[in-house]
């Protein structure tokens, strides 16, 4: 059985340097999918939107600019008290700001489920790979 970590927090959807809106976000981490974090944004008047990205991206993004592709995370300010999250889609970019403290607390709790850097230590992936390779080896041997 895998443990799940959840957090509910406020973020700010940044429209411009003068205008931002408070939105709620739910973070979820499932030890059964140890590389991924799911972040669901609750937008006023819209259906919730969920983005899935690497836990490592969130870890790295709190201390330095990180991300390739659709999700970018970087610290804001020299004290690293805030993080910016940029989500890119064909419909346009969404820029969020979040306090770093609740993100760090969430990551600390995920680390108790699966320590960061030991995502494959459980052996499930290794067992699956061994099984696949041994089956493939038998098929190719004949």
C-alpha atoms as a PDB file:
ATOM      1  CA  UNK A   1       0.000   0.000   0.000  1.00  0.00           C
ATOM      2  CA  UNK A   2       1.324   3.414  -0.945  1.00  0.00           C
ATOM      3  CA  UNK A   3       1.038   6.526   1.185  1.00  0.00           C
ATOM      4  CA  UNK A   4      -0.304   9.776  -0.182  1.00  0.00           C
ATOM      5  CA  UNK A   5       0.632  13.291   0.898  1.00  0.00           C
ATOM      6  CA  UNK A   6      -1.740  16.163   0.254  1.00  0.00           C
ATOM      7  CA  UNK A   7      -1.537  19.896   0.871  1.00  0.00           C
ATOM      8  CA  UNK A   8      -3.988  22.708   0.322  1.00  0.00           C
ATOM      9  CA  UNK A   9      -2.522  26.165  -0.184  1.00  0.00           C
ATOM     10  CA  UNK A  10      -3.115  29.591  -1.651  1.00  0.00           C
ATOM     11  CA  UNK A  11      -1.222  30.837  -4.686  1.00  0.00           C
ATOM     12  CA  UNK A  12      -1.484  34.001  -6.700  1.00  0.00           C
ATOM     13  CA  UNK A  13      -2.297  33.958 -10.402  1.00  0.00           C
ATOM     14  CA  UNK A  14      -0.219  36.843 -11.747  1.00  0.00           C
ATOM     15  CA  UNK A  15      -1.906  38.775 -14.539  1.00  0.00           C
ATOM     16  CA  UNK A  16       0.534  41.705 -14.577  1.00  0.00           C
ATOM     17  CA  UNK A  17       2.999  43.387 -12.224  1.00  0.00           C
ATOM     18  CA  UNK A  18       0.056  45.305 -10.721  1.00  0.00           C
ATOM     19  CA  UNK A  19      -2.659  42.629 -10.767  1.00  0.00           C
ATOM     20  CA  UNK A  20      -2.877  39.133  -9.302  1.00  0.00           C
ATOM     21  CA  UNK A  21      -5.696  36.909  -8.054  1.00  0.00           C
ATOM     22  CA  UNK A  22      -5.666  34.535  -5.105  1.00  0.00           C
ATOM     23  CA  UNK A  23      -6.399  30.961  -6.148  1.00  0.00           C
ATOM     24  CA  UNK A  24      -6.418  27.722  -4.214  1.00  0.00           C
ATOM     25  CA  UNK A  25      -4.172  24.842  -5.172  1.00  0.00           C
ATOM     26  CA  UNK A  26      -4.097  21.237  -4.005  1.00  0.00           C
ATOM     27  CA  UNK A  27      -0.786  19.393  -4.111  1.00  0.00           C
ATOM     28  CA  UNK A  28      -0.763  15.605  -4.101  1.00  0.00           C
ATOM     29  CA  UNK A  29       2.039  13.080  -3.964  1.00  0.00           C
ATOM     30  CA  UNK A  30       1.480   9.327  -4.192  1.00  0.00           C
ATOM     31  CA  UNK A  31       4.296   6.989  -3.163  1.00  0.00           C
ATOM     32  CA  UNK A  32       3.092   4.603  -5.886  1.00  0.00           C
ATOM     33  CA  UNK A  33       4.145   7.191  -8.491  1.00  0.00           C
ATOM     34  CA  UNK A  34       7.220   8.510  -6.662  1.00  0.00           C
ATOM     35  CA  UNK A  35       8.544  10.856  -9.333  1.00  0.00           C
ATOM     36  CA  UNK A  36       5.347  12.889  -9.823  1.00  0.00           C
ATOM     37  CA  UNK A  37       3.547  15.715  -8.051  1.00  0.00           C
ATOM     38  CA  UNK A  38      -0.002  16.605  -9.037  1.00  0.00           C
ATOM     39  CA  UNK A  39      -1.068  20.205  -8.600  1.00  0.00           C
ATOM     40  CA  UNK A  40      -4.741  21.067  -9.046  1.00  0.00           C
ATOM     41  CA  UNK A  41      -5.576  24.742  -9.443  1.00  0.00           C
ATOM     42  CA  UNK A  42      -9.070  25.894  -8.496  1.00  0.00           C
ATOM     43  CA  UNK A  43      -9.861  28.816 -10.771  1.00  0.00           C
ATOM     44  CA  UNK A  44     -12.898  30.993 -10.023  1.00  0.00           C
ATOM     45  CA  UNK A  45     -15.773  30.174 -12.364  1.00  0.00           C
ATOM     46  CA  UNK A  46     -13.847  27.383 -14.101  1.00  0.00           C
ATOM     47  CA  UNK A  47     -13.282  23.676 -13.723  1.00  0.00           C
ATOM     48  CA  UNK A  48     -10.200  22.747 -11.677  1.00  0.00           C
ATOM     49  CA  UNK A  49      -7.074  22.242 -13.765  1.00  0.00           C
ATOM     50  CA  UNK A  50      -4.488  19.604 -12.829  1.00  0.00           C
ATOM     51  CA  UNK A  51      -0.853  19.660 -13.892  1.00  0.00           C
ATOM     52  CA  UNK A  52       1.544  16.789 -13.244  1.00  0.00           C
ATOM     53  CA  UNK A  53       5.264  17.418 -13.018  1.00  0.00           C
ATOM     54  CA  UNK A  54       8.396  15.932 -11.474  1.00  0.00           C
ATOM     55  CA  UNK A  55       8.872  16.227  -7.718  1.00  0.00           C
ATOM     56  CA  UNK A  56      12.534  16.934  -8.480  1.00  0.00           C
ATOM     57  CA  UNK A  57      11.470  19.991 -10.512  1.00  0.00           C
ATOM     58  CA  UNK A  58       9.696  21.405  -7.460  1.00  0.00           C
ATOM     59  CA  UNK A  59      12.682  20.643  -5.214  1.00  0.00           C
ATOM     60  CA  UNK A  60      15.138  22.290  -7.614  1.00  0.00           C
ATOM     61  CA  UNK A  61      12.851  25.201  -8.491  1.00  0.00           C
ATOM     62  CA  UNK A  62      12.735  26.460  -4.914  1.00  0.00           C
ATOM     63  CA  UNK A  63      16.450  27.272  -4.982  1.00  0.00           C
ATOM     64  CA  UNK A  64      17.259  27.898  -8.668  1.00  0.00           C
ATOM     65  CA  UNK A  65      15.561  28.305 -12.040  1.00  0.00           C
ATOM     66  CA  UNK A  66      14.442  24.859 -13.201  1.00  0.00           C
ATOM     67  CA  UNK A  67      12.292  23.255 -15.822  1.00  0.00           C
ATOM     68  CA  UNK A  68      12.097  22.434 -19.482  1.00  0.00           C
ATOM     69  CA  UNK A  69       8.987  22.229 -21.558  1.00  0.00           C
ATOM     70  CA  UNK A  70       5.624  23.148 -20.054  1.00  0.00           C
ATOM     71  CA  UNK A  71       6.506  23.712 -16.390  1.00  0.00           C
ATOM     72  CA  UNK A  72       9.139  26.116 -15.066  1.00  0.00           C
ATOM     73  CA  UNK A  73       9.749  26.924 -11.402  1.00  0.00           C
ATOM     74  CA  UNK A  74      12.171  29.456  -9.960  1.00  0.00           C
ATOM     75  CA  UNK A  75      12.729  31.315  -6.700  1.00  0.00           C
ATOM     76  CA  UNK A  76      11.634  34.936  -6.390  1.00  0.00           C
ATOM     77  CA  UNK A  77      13.868  37.339  -4.490  1.00  0.00           C
ATOM     78  CA  UNK A  78      17.174  36.718  -2.806  1.00  0.00           C
ATOM     79  CA  UNK A  79      15.648  35.323   0.391  1.00  0.00           C
ATOM     80  CA  UNK A  80      13.967  32.449  -1.545  1.00  0.00           C
ATOM     81  CA  UNK A  81      10.731  33.079   0.390  1.00  0.00           C
ATOM     82  CA  UNK A  82       8.616  32.848  -2.756  1.00  0.00           C
ATOM     83  CA  UNK A  83       8.524  30.681  -5.859  1.00  0.00           C
ATOM     84  CA  UNK A  84       7.208  31.417  -9.317  1.00  0.00           C
ATOM     85  CA  UNK A  85       5.519  28.632 -11.267  1.00  0.00           C
ATOM     86  CA  UNK A  86       5.050  29.141 -15.010  1.00  0.00           C
ATOM     87  CA  UNK A  87       2.733  26.766 -16.852  1.00  0.00           C
ATOM     88  CA  UNK A  88       2.855  26.836 -20.644  1.00  0.00           C
ATOM     89  CA  UNK A  89       0.062  25.552 -22.844  1.00  0.00           C
ATOM     90  CA  UNK A  90      -1.170  26.153 -26.392  1.00  0.00           C
ATOM     91  CA  UNK A  91      -3.784  28.492 -24.870  1.00  0.00           C
ATOM     92  CA  UNK A  92      -1.064  30.658 -23.288  1.00  0.00           C
ATOM     93  CA  UNK A  93       1.085  30.901 -20.196  1.00  0.00           C
ATOM     94  CA  UNK A  94      -0.142  31.025 -16.614  1.00  0.00           C
ATOM     95  CA  UNK A  95       2.150  32.593 -14.043  1.00  0.00           C
ATOM     96  CA  UNK A  96       1.688  31.759 -10.364  1.00  0.00           C
ATOM     97  CA  UNK A  97       3.434  32.875  -7.212  1.00  0.00           C
ATOM     98  CA  UNK A  98       3.505  30.871  -4.013  1.00  0.00           C
ATOM     99  CA  UNK A  99       5.118  31.186  -0.618  1.00  0.00           C
ATOM    100  CA  UNK A 100       8.006  28.730  -0.433  1.00  0.00           C
ATOM    101  CA  UNK A 101       7.283  27.616   3.173  1.00  0.00           C
ATOM    102  CA  UNK A 102       4.177  25.488   2.437  1.00  0.00           C
ATOM    103  CA  UNK A 103       5.895  23.993  -0.622  1.00  0.00           C
ATOM    104  CA  UNK A 104       8.916  23.057   1.508  1.00  0.00           C
ATOM    105  CA  UNK A 105       6.636  21.548   4.168  1.00  0.00           C
ATOM    106  CA  UNK A 106       4.849  19.499   1.495  1.00  0.00           C
ATOM    107  CA  UNK A 107       8.166  18.258   0.091  1.00  0.00           C
ATOM    108  CA  UNK A 108       9.394  17.327   3.576  1.00  0.00           C
ATOM    109  CA  UNK A 109       6.290  15.175   4.027  1.00  0.00           C
ATOM    110  CA  UNK A 110       6.807  13.506   0.622  1.00  0.00           C
ATOM    111  CA  UNK A 111      10.368  12.719   1.662  1.00  0.00           C
ATOM    112  CA  UNK A 112       8.973  10.663   4.564  1.00  0.00           C
ATOM    113  CA  UNK A 113       6.988   8.532   2.085  1.00  0.00           C
ATOM    114  CA  UNK A 114       9.770   8.073  -0.486  1.00  0.00           C
ATOM    115  CA  UNK A 115      13.103   9.763   0.284  1.00  0.00           C
ATOM    116  CA  UNK A 116      14.160  12.145  -2.462  1.00  0.00           C
ATOM    117  CA  UNK A 117      16.735  10.408  -4.641  1.00  0.00           C
ATOM    118  CA  UNK A 118      15.537   6.924  -3.661  1.00  0.00           C
ATOM    119  CA  UNK A 119      12.446   6.724  -5.850  1.00  0.00           C
ATOM    120  CA  UNK A 120      13.476   3.367  -7.366  1.00  0.00           C
ATOM    121  CA  UNK A 121      14.975   1.900  -4.178  1.00  0.00           C
ATOM    122  CA  UNK A 122      11.733   0.017  -3.530  1.00  0.00           C
ATOM    123  CA  UNK A 123      12.690  -2.437  -6.256  1.00  0.00           C
ATOM    124  CA  UNK A 124       9.306  -2.485  -8.025  1.00  0.00           C
ATOM    125  CA  UNK A 125      10.764  -1.000 -11.202  1.00  0.00           C
ATOM    126  CA  UNK A 126      13.846  -3.219 -10.988  1.00  0.00           C
ATOM    127  CA  UNK A 127      11.645  -6.291 -10.597  1.00  0.00           C
ATOM    128  CA  UNK A 128       9.502  -5.284 -13.565  1.00  0.00           C
ATOM    129  CA  UNK A 129      12.558  -4.637 -15.735  1.00  0.00           C
ATOM    130  CA  UNK A 130      14.096  -7.974 -14.760  1.00  0.00           C
ATOM    131  CA  UNK A 131      10.844  -9.737 -15.580  1.00  0.00           C
ATOM    132  CA  UNK A 132      10.516  -7.997 -18.950  1.00  0.00           C
ATOM    133  CA  UNK A 133      14.142  -8.602 -19.892  1.00  0.00           C
ATOM    134  CA  UNK A 134      14.035 -12.278 -18.902  1.00  0.00           C
ATOM    135  CA  UNK A 135      10.846 -12.795 -20.945  1.00  0.00           C
ATOM    136  CA  UNK A 136      12.327 -10.942 -23.916  1.00  0.00           C
ATOM    137  CA  UNK A 137      15.540 -12.944 -23.628  1.00  0.00           C
ATOM    138  CA  UNK A 138      13.639 -16.239 -23.833  1.00  0.00           C
ATOM    139  CA  UNK A 139      11.706 -15.120 -26.885  1.00  0.00           C
ATOM    140  CA  UNK A 140      14.829 -13.995 -28.688  1.00  0.00           C
ATOM    141  CA  UNK A 141      16.801 -17.133 -27.754  1.00  0.00           C
ATOM    142  CA  UNK A 142      14.580 -19.433 -29.804  1.00  0.00           C
END
